[in-house]
Amino acid sequence: MKPTRAARAAAVLTGIPLALGALTAGTANAHGTMGDPISRIAACFEEGPESPQSEVCKNLVAENGSQPLYDWNEVNIPDADGRHREIIPDGELCSAGRDKYSGLDAPGAWQTTELPSSGEHTFTYTASAPHRGYFELYVTKDGWSQDQELTWDALEDEPFLRVDDPEVVDGTYRLTGDLPEGKSGQHLIYAIWQRTDSPEAFYSCSDVSFGGGSGSESATPAFAPGDAGAHDDHASGHGDDHADPGGGGDDHADPGGKGTEASTASDEDGDGGAAAAGAADDPNGGSGSASADGSPASGHGGHAAGGEKALPVTGSAITGLFLTAMAALVTGFAAMAYTRKRRLPGTHRA
């Protein structure tokens, strides 16, 4: 017995909400950046995406526009799966090899956080959507300076700290461990957050200076943006250039190649990095640095303590459920209308 046209149509229409559900569920991925020591992109976001203060942040906006700063938590590769050295070219580590964030790779006087020269320290990683995974922190070799590009060879071969599945407290991961030995003066800490429930990975660069301040047992996050309201004009959405992991739609579909960043339908949702927008401009710009005990220094006047404010959420799962429900509702009406039309007198089969 062949299925009727109505049955076939109903089957197709029924698949629509399931497909949309899978698509939107994929947007509820992890997001974040290093908060203490503050990452380059977080520091520029704090200065103000539309009116950055430091030369490096002004240059970033001139090169990439302000949108990347609103999407501070999306410096990622969807299908990294631990292949970081293979797919991120030298000189492009801070941007994860993505054109959208290329300004992060430029040498220059980036905001610097002072750290002790030794001892135990608690690093903080601001997560707008936490997930299972591990963090690896690398430090530059002696002799590296901010007027140089960051290459893989410029980093020590092994991470000085690795933390698996750390606890999330108020939207912040706390990564406690020993500071790298024998380091002094200007360096850079390269953070990799590799998810274990997905091949997606996130990357950040934090400029530091060893030998300043004192030890810290429980550092306050230097970067904890509040939910300052949506900026619809800058809502790129989680899907801005995130492909389905392994799907090849991202600019990292070809390992080692930059390619073209693909835009998806999620761009229209407007629930992406825009929730992070609206932080007040820091009049001190990037001139200050965070103290080792986590308290904000002059350059971090707007830092929230203890994660008291709600963090921006990008690619909310609630949005996915809402869209799925709406799709199901539309499907139901369409199926009813189709069936009713088929039952009207005077209609004939083709």
Protein backbone atom coordinates (compact mmCIF):
# COMPACT_ATOMS: atom_id res chain seq x y z
CA MET A 1 0.00 0.00 0.00
CA LYS A 2 1.47 3.30 -1.13
CA PRO A 3 1.41 6.19 1.32
CA THR A 4 -0.98 8.99 0.44
CA ARG A 5 0.31 12.40 -0.52
CA ALA A 6 -0.99 13.72 2.76
CA ALA A 7 0.97 11.12 4.66
CA ARG A 8 4.14 11.86 2.72
CA ALA A 9 3.70 15.59 3.24
CA ALA A 10 3.07 15.08 6.94
CA ALA A 11 6.23 13.00 7.21
CA VAL A 12 8.30 15.70 5.53
CA LEU A 13 6.75 18.48 7.58
CA THR A 14 7.22 16.51 10.78
CA GLY A 15 10.94 16.33 10.07
CA ILE A 16 11.23 20.12 9.96
CA PRO A 17 11.03 20.72 13.72
CA LEU A 18 13.40 17.82 14.33
CA ALA A 19 15.94 19.33 11.95
CA LEU A 20 15.48 22.77 13.46
CA GLY A 21 15.81 21.26 16.91
CA ALA A 22 19.11 19.67 16.00
CA LEU A 23 20.33 22.93 14.48
CA THR A 24 19.40 25.08 17.44
CA ALA A 25 20.62 22.54 19.98
CA GLY A 26 24.01 22.82 18.32
CA THR A 27 24.07 26.51 19.17
CA ALA A 28 24.04 25.86 22.91
CA ASN A 29 27.75 25.29 22.92
CA ALA A 30 30.40 26.36 25.34
CA HIS A 31 31.85 29.86 25.13
CA GLY A 32 34.45 31.77 27.06
CA THR A 33 37.77 33.53 27.38
CA MET A 34 40.50 33.95 29.96
CA GLY A 35 39.47 36.43 32.64
CA ASP A 36 42.54 36.52 34.89
CA PRO A 37 45.01 37.20 33.45
CA ILE A 38 42.71 39.10 31.14
CA SER A 39 42.80 38.06 27.50
CA ARG A 40 43.45 40.46 24.66
CA ILE A 41 39.90 40.30 23.36
CA ALA A 42 38.39 40.76 26.82
CA ALA A 43 40.59 43.79 27.46
CA CYS A 44 39.47 45.40 24.20
CA PHE A 45 35.83 44.62 24.97
CA GLU A 46 36.19 46.37 28.31
CA GLU A 47 37.61 49.46 26.62
CA GLY A 48 34.42 49.63 24.55
CA PRO A 49 33.88 48.03 21.12
CA GLU A 50 32.76 51.32 19.59
CA SER A 51 35.37 53.54 21.24
CA PRO A 52 38.52 51.59 22.14
CA GLN A 53 41.24 53.49 23.97
CA SER A 54 44.52 51.67 23.37
CA GLU A 55 46.29 51.64 20.03
CA VAL A 56 46.17 47.85 19.72
CA CYS A 57 42.40 47.76 20.28
CA LYS A 58 41.86 50.69 17.90
CA ASN A 59 43.86 48.82 15.28
CA LEU A 60 41.82 45.66 15.89
CA VAL A 61 38.54 47.50 15.30
CA ALA A 62 39.99 49.22 12.24
CA GLU A 63 40.99 45.84 10.83
CA ASN A 64 38.08 43.63 11.91
CA GLY A 65 35.31 45.99 12.94
CA SER A 66 33.68 46.05 16.37
CA GLN A 67 31.70 42.81 15.99
CA PRO A 68 34.54 40.51 17.11
CA LEU A 69 34.64 42.33 20.45
CA TYR A 70 30.95 41.69 21.03
CA ASP A 71 31.74 38.06 20.22
CA TRP A 72 34.60 37.96 22.73
CA ASN A 73 33.64 34.43 23.77
CA GLU A 74 33.79 32.86 20.32
CA VAL A 75 37.48 32.60 19.42
CA ASN A 76 37.02 28.96 18.57
CA ILE A 77 37.47 26.12 16.12
CA PRO A 78 34.38 23.87 16.03
CA ASP A 79 36.21 20.73 14.90
CA ALA A 80 39.62 21.15 16.56
CA ASP A 81 39.54 17.84 18.44
CA GLY A 82 42.98 18.41 19.93
CA ARG A 83 44.66 19.18 16.58
CA HIS A 84 45.63 22.69 17.63
CA ARG A 85 49.17 22.78 16.24
CA GLU A 86 48.03 21.16 13.02
CA ILE A 87 45.22 23.55 12.14
CA ILE A 88 46.36 26.90 13.57
CA PRO A 89 49.16 28.53 11.56
CA ASP A 90 52.14 30.26 13.18
CA GLY A 91 51.49 33.92 13.80
CA GLU A 92 47.75 33.31 14.11
CA LEU A 93 47.46 31.63 17.50
CA CYS A 94 45.57 34.44 19.23
CA SER A 95 42.91 34.52 16.51
CA ALA A 96 42.80 30.72 16.18
CA GLY A 97 43.60 31.29 12.53
CA ARG A 98 40.31 33.08 11.88
CA ASP A 99 40.11 36.19 9.72
CA LYS A 100 37.38 37.60 11.95
CA TYR A 101 39.79 37.93 14.89
CA SER A 102 43.04 38.57 13.00
CA GLY A 103 43.67 41.83 14.86
CA LEU A 104 44.41 39.81 18.00
CA ASP A 105 47.60 38.49 16.40
CA ALA A 106 49.19 41.90 15.87
CA PRO A 107 52.31 42.68 17.91
CA GLY A 108 51.91 45.69 20.18
CA ALA A 109 51.47 47.03 23.69
CA TRP A 110 48.57 44.83 24.78
CA GLN A 111 47.16 45.23 28.28
CA THR A 112 49.38 43.31 30.68
CA THR A 113 48.55 41.56 33.95
CA GLU A 114 51.19 41.36 36.67
CA LEU A 115 51.76 37.92 38.20
CA PRO A 116 54.09 36.65 40.92
CA SER A 117 57.29 34.99 39.77
CA SER A 118 56.49 31.73 41.56
CA GLY A 119 54.05 29.93 43.79
CA GLU A 120 50.48 28.77 43.47
CA HIS A 121 48.00 30.90 41.57
CA THR A 122 44.33 30.69 40.69
CA PHE A 123 43.60 31.60 37.11
CA THR A 124 40.02 32.35 36.13
CA TYR A 125 38.26 31.64 32.87
CA THR A 126 34.97 33.42 32.17
CA ALA A 127 32.49 30.94 30.68
CA SER A 128 29.18 32.14 29.28
CA ALA A 129 28.21 28.52 28.64
CA PRO A 130 30.09 25.88 30.66
CA HIS A 131 30.81 22.38 29.36
CA ARG A 132 32.98 19.41 30.20
CA GLY A 133 36.55 19.61 29.02
CA TYR A 134 40.12 20.40 29.96
CA PHE A 135 42.22 23.54 30.07
CA GLU A 136 45.87 23.77 29.10
CA LEU A 137 47.94 26.88 29.81
CA TYR A 138 51.18 27.47 27.92
CA VAL A 139 53.74 30.22 28.51
CA THR A 140 56.18 31.79 26.08
CA LYS A 141 59.85 30.91 26.12
CA ASP A 142 62.40 33.37 27.44
CA GLY A 143 63.19 36.08 24.92
CA TRP A 144 59.69 36.52 23.54
CA SER A 145 58.30 40.07 23.60
CA GLN A 146 55.12 41.86 22.58
CA ASP A 147 56.72 43.22 19.43
CA GLN A 148 56.90 39.67 18.06
CA GLU A 149 54.24 37.45 16.52
CA LEU A 150 53.23 34.43 18.55
CA THR A 151 54.30 31.13 17.02
CA TRP A 152 54.06 27.59 18.30
CA ASP A 153 57.83 27.48 18.63
CA ALA A 154 57.68 30.58 20.85
CA LEU A 155 55.70 28.58 23.43
CA GLU A 156 57.17 26.09 25.85
CA ASP A 157 56.64 22.55 24.58
CA GLU A 158 54.42 21.46 27.45
CA PRO A 159 51.66 23.30 29.31
CA PHE A 160 52.66 24.49 32.76
CA LEU A 161 49.12 23.81 33.95
CA ARG A 162 46.39 21.40 32.92
CA VAL A 163 43.05 21.15 34.67
CA ASP A 164 40.39 18.60 33.76
CA ASP A 165 36.69 19.35 34.31
CA PRO A 166 37.17 22.19 36.80
CA GLU A 167 34.25 23.39 38.88
CA VAL A 168 32.23 26.33 37.61
CA VAL A 169 31.49 29.00 40.23
CA ASP A 170 29.24 31.90 39.22
CA GLY A 171 29.97 31.35 35.55
CA THR A 172 33.73 31.19 36.09
CA TYR A 173 36.18 28.31 35.95
CA ARG A 174 38.91 28.47 38.57
CA LEU A 175 42.18 26.89 37.50
CA THR A 176 44.58 26.52 40.41
CA GLY A 177 48.16 25.41 40.05
CA ASP A 178 51.80 26.41 40.22
CA LEU A 179 53.06 29.29 38.13
CA PRO A 180 55.73 28.39 35.55
CA GLU A 181 59.21 28.22 37.02
CA GLY A 182 62.02 30.58 36.18
CA LYS A 183 59.94 33.20 34.39
CA SER A 184 60.38 36.94 34.82
CA GLY A 185 59.31 40.02 32.93
CA GLN A 186 57.09 40.12 29.84
CA HIS A 187 55.50 36.90 28.65
CA LEU A 188 52.25 35.59 27.19
CA ILE A 189 49.98 32.84 28.46
CA TYR A 190 48.17 30.89 25.75
CA ALA A 191 45.03 29.15 26.99
CA ILE A 192 43.35 26.25 25.21
CA TRP A 193 39.94 25.02 26.36
CA GLN A 194 39.24 21.72 24.64
CA ARG A 195 35.76 20.37 25.16
CA THR A 196 35.43 16.63 25.71
CA ASP A 197 31.73 16.48 24.85
CA SER A 198 32.49 17.99 21.43
CA PRO A 199 35.54 18.53 19.19
CA GLU A 200 35.14 22.30 19.68
CA ALA A 201 38.01 24.22 21.28
CA PHE A 202 38.50 27.81 22.43
CA TYR A 203 41.68 29.87 22.52
CA SER A 204 42.90 33.05 24.20
CA CYS A 205 46.07 35.11 24.61
CA SER A 206 46.85 36.88 27.87
CA ASP A 207 49.84 39.20 28.16
CA VAL A 208 51.53 38.98 31.56
CA SER A 209 54.55 40.22 33.45
CA PHE A 210 56.09 37.88 36.02
CA GLY A 211 57.61 39.28 39.17
CA GLY A 212 54.94 41.75 40.23
CA GLY A 213 52.39 41.52 43.02
CA SER A 214 51.97 38.68 45.48
CA GLY A 215 50.55 35.19 45.41
CA SER A 216 46.85 34.48 45.13
CA GLU A 217 44.88 31.63 46.64
CA SER A 218 41.49 32.58 45.20
CA ALA A 219 41.72 35.25 42.57
CA THR A 220 38.70 37.33 41.68
CA PRO A 221 37.97 37.17 37.95
CA ALA A 222 39.44 40.20 36.21
CA PHE A 223 36.83 39.94 33.48
CA ALA A 224 33.22 39.31 34.45
CA PRO A 225 30.92 41.15 32.02
CA GLY A 226 27.37 41.76 33.20
CA ASP A 227 24.23 41.36 31.15
CA ALA A 228 24.09 44.98 30.07
CA GLY A 229 21.24 44.48 27.62
CA ALA A 230 21.11 43.36 24.02
CA HIS A 231 22.74 45.32 21.22
CA ASP A 232 20.69 44.15 18.27
CA ASP A 233 22.91 45.97 15.80
CA HIS A 234 25.80 43.74 16.84
CA ALA A 235 24.05 40.41 17.36
CA SER A 236 25.95 37.96 15.25
CA GLY A 237 24.63 34.90 17.05
CA HIS A 238 26.48 31.78 18.01
CA GLY A 239 26.28 30.54 14.47
CA ASP A 240 28.24 33.50 13.14
CA ASP A 241 30.96 31.26 11.79
CA HIS A 242 30.49 28.08 13.76
CA ALA A 243 29.99 25.02 11.65
CA ASP A 244 28.60 21.72 12.75
CA PRO A 245 31.68 20.07 14.30
CA GLY A 246 33.18 18.00 11.54
CA GLY A 247 30.72 19.40 9.05
CA GLY A 248 33.28 21.44 7.23
CA GLY A 249 31.30 24.65 7.08
CA ASP A 250 33.73 26.67 9.16
CA ASP A 251 36.83 28.48 8.05
CA HIS A 252 38.77 25.56 9.53
CA ALA A 253 37.20 22.87 7.41
CA ASP A 254 40.59 22.41 5.78
CA PRO A 255 43.20 21.85 8.50
CA GLY A 256 45.76 24.59 8.41
CA GLY A 257 43.80 26.71 5.94
CA LYS A 258 41.96 29.89 6.77
CA GLY A 259 39.26 29.63 4.14
CA THR A 260 36.08 31.64 4.31
CA GLU A 261 34.00 32.02 7.42
CA ALA A 262 30.52 30.71 6.73
CA SER A 263 27.47 32.50 8.04
CA THR A 264 24.50 30.43 9.20
CA ALA A 265 20.87 31.06 9.92
CA SER A 266 21.74 31.62 13.54
CA ASP A 267 22.95 35.07 12.55
CA GLU A 268 19.33 36.14 12.32
CA ASP A 269 18.43 34.99 15.81
CA GLY A 270 20.16 37.93 17.47
CA ASP A 271 20.80 36.02 20.67
CA GLY A 272 24.53 35.70 20.26
CA GLY A 273 27.46 37.67 21.57
CA ALA A 274 25.27 40.78 21.67
CA ALA A 275 24.15 39.92 25.16
CA ALA A 276 27.68 40.71 26.21
CA ALA A 277 27.54 44.17 24.68
CA GLY A 278 27.00 47.42 26.45
CA ALA A 279 29.85 47.42 28.97
CA ALA A 280 30.86 50.97 29.89
CA ASP A 281 33.98 52.29 28.24
CA ASP A 282 37.00 52.22 30.52
CA PRO A 283 38.56 55.66 30.49
CA ASN A 284 41.87 54.13 31.51
CA GLY A 285 41.88 51.97 28.39
CA GLY A 286 44.46 49.25 28.28
CA SER A 287 47.03 51.06 30.33
CA GLY A 288 46.41 49.24 33.59
CA SER A 289 46.89 45.68 34.72
CA ALA A 290 45.13 43.30 37.02
CA SER A 291 46.76 42.71 40.37
CA ALA A 292 47.79 39.18 41.21
CA ASP A 293 45.20 38.87 43.95
CA GLY A 294 42.51 39.32 41.36
CA SER A 295 41.46 42.80 42.40
CA PRO A 296 41.12 45.22 39.51
CA ALA A 297 43.93 47.69 38.96
CA SER A 298 43.56 51.07 37.30
CA GLY A 299 43.09 49.60 33.87
CA HIS A 300 40.28 47.34 35.08
CA GLY A 301 38.07 49.83 36.81
CA GLY A 302 34.89 48.18 35.54
CA HIS A 303 35.64 44.63 36.64
CA ALA A 304 32.93 42.94 38.64
CA ALA A 305 33.95 41.05 41.75
CA GLY A 306 32.86 37.53 42.49
CA GLY A 307 30.75 37.12 39.37
CA GLU A 308 27.80 38.90 40.95
CA LYS A 309 26.35 39.98 37.62
CA ALA A 310 24.72 37.58 35.23
CA LEU A 311 27.04 36.52 32.45
CA PRO A 312 25.92 36.91 28.87
CA VAL A 313 24.65 33.70 27.35
CA THR A 314 25.35 33.01 23.71
CA GLY A 315 23.36 30.43 21.78
CA SER A 316 20.92 29.74 24.61
CA ALA A 317 19.33 26.30 24.66
CA ILE A 318 16.05 28.00 25.58
CA THR A 319 16.14 29.79 22.25
CA GLY A 320 16.52 26.44 20.54
CA LEU A 321 13.55 24.98 22.35
CA PHE A 322 11.45 28.02 21.50
CA LEU A 323 12.29 27.78 17.81
CA THR A 324 11.61 24.07 17.81
CA ALA A 325 8.21 24.60 19.45
CA MET A 326 7.33 27.29 16.92
CA ALA A 327 8.36 25.03 14.05
CA ALA A 328 6.20 22.23 15.44
CA LEU A 329 3.23 24.61 15.72
CA VAL A 330 3.63 25.77 12.13
CA THR A 331 3.99 22.17 10.98
CA GLY A 332 0.76 21.22 12.72
CA PHE A 333 -1.19 24.01 11.07
CA ALA A 334 0.29 23.17 7.67
CA ALA A 335 -0.59 19.50 7.99
CA MET A 336 -4.16 20.31 9.04
CA ALA A 337 -4.60 22.74 6.16
CA TYR A 338 -3.23 20.22 3.68
CA THR A 339 -5.48 17.42 4.92
CA ARG A 340 -8.52 19.69 4.90
CA LYS A 341 -7.81 20.76 1.33
CA ARG A 342 -7.55 17.13 0.23
CA ARG A 343 -10.97 16.41 1.72
CA LEU A 344 -12.81 19.29 0.03
CA PRO A 345 -15.49 18.12 -2.46
CA GLY A 346 -14.67 18.49 -6.09
CA THR A 347 -10.93 17.96 -5.72
CA HIS A 348 -9.33 15.32 -7.92
CA ARG A 349 -6.13 13.39 -7.80
CA ALA A 350 -3.49 14.45 -10.27
